[in-house]
C-alpha cells in the first residue's frame, strides 16, 4: 500500500504539512478549533484506512477522532456547559 503512496510524490509532504500546521494551531488556544478542522480530513483518512484494511486496529484512531470532534464542538460553541 505504501508503494502506491510513493508513486504520488506530493501526497506525503501534503499530509505532513497538514498535520504539522494542525498541531501548531491546536497548541494555540485561540486557533484550536481551526487546527482540529485542518486535521479532520487526515483523521477521516486514518479511520477509513483502519475500517477497510485493519479493522482490529480501529480503537486508537477512533479515540483520536472522538477527541478531535470534541475539540471542534467545544471550541465552536457546539457543546454548551
Protein backbone atom coordinates (compact mmCIF):
# COMPACT_ATOMS: atom_id res chain seq x y z
CA UNK A 1 0.00 0.00 0.00
CA UNK A 2 2.82 2.41 0.80
CA UNK A 3 4.25 1.72 -2.66
CA UNK A 4 1.12 3.33 -4.08
CA UNK A 5 1.61 6.34 -1.81
CA UNK A 6 5.18 6.70 -3.04
CA UNK A 7 4.01 7.00 -6.66
CA UNK A 8 2.23 10.22 -5.68
CA UNK A 9 5.24 12.29 -4.67
CA UNK A 10 3.17 15.20 -3.37
CA UNK A 11 0.82 13.26 -1.08
CA UNK A 12 3.05 12.51 1.91
CA UNK A 13 4.52 16.04 2.12
CA UNK A 14 0.95 17.41 1.98
CA UNK A 15 -0.16 15.13 4.82
CA UNK A 16 2.93 16.04 6.85
CA UNK A 17 2.35 19.77 6.30
CA UNK A 18 -1.32 19.41 7.26
CA UNK A 19 -0.50 17.50 10.44
CA UNK A 20 2.20 19.99 11.50
CA UNK A 21 0.02 23.01 10.73
CA UNK A 22 -2.97 21.49 12.53
CA UNK A 23 -0.84 20.58 15.53
CA UNK A 24 0.56 24.10 15.79
CA UNK A 25 -2.91 25.61 15.51
CA UNK A 26 -4.26 23.26 18.20
CA UNK A 27 -1.42 24.31 20.51
CA UNK A 28 -2.63 27.93 20.39
CA UNK A 29 -5.89 28.22 22.37
CA UNK A 30 -7.33 30.95 20.13
CA UNK A 31 -6.97 28.80 16.98
CA UNK A 32 -7.70 25.39 18.50
CA UNK A 33 -10.94 24.78 16.57
CA UNK A 34 -9.30 25.73 13.27
CA UNK A 35 -6.45 23.30 13.95
CA UNK A 36 -8.90 20.50 14.69
CA UNK A 37 -10.75 21.24 11.44
CA UNK A 38 -7.45 21.23 9.50
CA UNK A 39 -6.59 17.80 10.93
CA UNK A 40 -10.10 16.42 10.33
CA UNK A 41 -9.53 15.20 6.72
CA UNK A 42 -6.37 13.36 7.78
CA UNK A 43 -8.30 11.81 10.68
CA UNK A 44 -11.07 10.66 8.32
CA UNK A 45 -8.44 9.05 6.07
CA UNK A 46 -6.91 7.24 9.03
CA UNK A 47 -10.32 5.97 10.14
CA UNK A 48 -11.23 4.80 6.62
CA UNK A 49 -7.88 3.03 6.28
CA UNK A 50 -8.43 1.14 9.51
CA UNK A 51 -12.04 0.32 8.69
CA UNK A 52 -11.11 -1.16 5.31
CA UNK A 53 -7.60 -2.58 5.82
CA UNK A 54 -7.09 -3.17 9.54
CA UNK A 55 -10.39 -3.30 11.45
CA UNK A 56 -8.69 -4.75 14.53
CA UNK A 57 -6.65 -1.59 14.98
CA UNK A 58 -9.57 0.86 14.93
CA UNK A 59 -9.67 1.52 18.71
CA UNK A 60 -6.92 4.14 18.98
CA UNK A 61 -7.87 6.07 15.79
CA UNK A 62 -11.49 6.07 16.97
CA UNK A 63 -10.46 7.61 20.30
CA UNK A 64 -8.42 10.28 18.50
CA UNK A 65 -11.35 11.01 16.16
CA UNK A 66 -13.68 11.47 19.14
CA UNK A 67 -11.16 13.81 20.79
CA UNK A 68 -10.85 15.76 17.54
CA UNK A 69 -14.63 16.10 17.18
CA UNK A 70 -14.93 17.09 20.83
CA UNK A 71 -12.28 19.76 20.31
CA UNK A 72 -14.16 21.17 17.33
CA UNK A 73 -17.50 21.19 19.11
CA UNK A 74 -16.14 22.54 22.38
CA UNK A 75 -14.32 25.44 20.76
CA UNK A 76 -17.07 26.43 18.33
CA UNK A 77 -19.85 26.57 20.90
CA UNK A 78 -21.37 23.23 19.89
CA UNK A 79 -21.18 21.90 23.46
CA UNK A 80 -22.95 24.07 25.99
CA UNK A 81 -21.91 23.91 29.62
